[in-house]
Amino acid sequence: MEEVGIIGVDLTKNVFQVHGAAADGSVVFRKKLSRPQLVRFMAEQPQCLVVMEACAV
């Protein structure tokens, strides 16, 4: 499996859509996680850049 360079997090009401990409931009994973699952998942990831959706509503 490729090493994750960036993890993108899309915030929704009940779940988080999480997308991992390698340094070259290729997709490493896509997951739908609950809040408790997200905490466990992120704790297991290597050090990388984490980006979150920003919305000015």
Protein backbone atom coordinates (compact mmCIF):
# COMPACT_ATOMS: atom_id res chain seq x y z
CA MET A 1 0.00 0.00 0.00
CA GLU A 2 1.24 3.51 -0.84
CA GLU A 3 2.17 5.89 1.96
CA VAL A 4 -0.45 8.54 2.72
CA GLY A 5 0.76 12.12 2.30
CA ILE A 6 -2.54 13.97 2.71
CA ILE A 7 -5.80 13.07 4.45
CA GLY A 8 -8.87 15.10 3.50
CA VAL A 9 -11.84 15.18 5.86
CA ASP A 10 -15.34 16.20 4.74
CA LEU A 11 -17.49 17.13 7.72
CA THR A 12 -21.13 16.04 7.61
CA LYS A 13 -23.81 15.77 10.29
CA ASN A 14 -23.51 12.09 11.15
CA VAL A 15 -20.37 10.75 9.49
CA PHE A 16 -17.00 11.87 8.13
CA GLN A 17 -15.93 11.18 4.57
CA VAL A 18 -12.17 10.59 4.68
CA HIS A 19 -9.92 10.55 1.60
CA GLY A 20 -6.24 9.60 1.67
CA ALA A 21 -3.84 10.58 -1.11
CA ALA A 22 -0.21 9.78 -1.82
CA ALA A 23 2.36 12.52 -2.51
CA ASP A 24 1.69 12.19 -6.27
CA GLY A 25 -2.07 12.71 -5.74
CA SER A 26 -3.12 9.12 -6.34
CA VAL A 27 -5.95 7.79 -4.17
CA VAL A 28 -4.83 5.53 -1.32
CA PHE A 29 -8.22 5.13 0.41
CA ARG A 30 -11.75 6.50 0.72
CA LYS A 31 -13.78 5.78 3.86
CA LYS A 32 -17.00 6.78 5.60
CA LEU A 33 -16.45 6.91 9.37
CA SER A 34 -18.50 7.72 12.47
CA ARG A 35 -17.06 10.08 15.10
CA PRO A 36 -15.63 7.27 17.29
CA GLN A 37 -14.24 5.48 14.22
CA LEU A 38 -12.56 8.70 13.02
CA VAL A 39 -10.69 9.17 16.30
CA ARG A 40 -9.36 5.59 16.23
CA PHE A 41 -8.55 5.77 12.51
CA MET A 42 -6.60 9.04 12.75
CA ALA A 43 -4.59 7.77 15.73
CA GLU A 44 -3.36 4.87 13.56
CA GLN A 45 -2.23 7.02 10.60
CA PRO A 46 1.37 8.07 9.93
CA GLN A 47 2.29 11.72 10.33
CA CYS A 48 0.86 13.60 7.34
CA LEU A 49 -0.99 16.73 6.27
CA VAL A 50 -4.68 16.75 7.30
CA VAL A 51 -7.05 19.12 5.53
CA MET A 52 -10.70 19.83 6.33
CA GLU A 53 -13.55 21.26 4.36
CA ALA A 54 -14.14 24.95 5.02
CA CYS A 55 -17.55 26.50 4.46
CA ALA A 56 -18.65 30.06 5.20
CA VAL A 57 -22.37 29.52 5.72
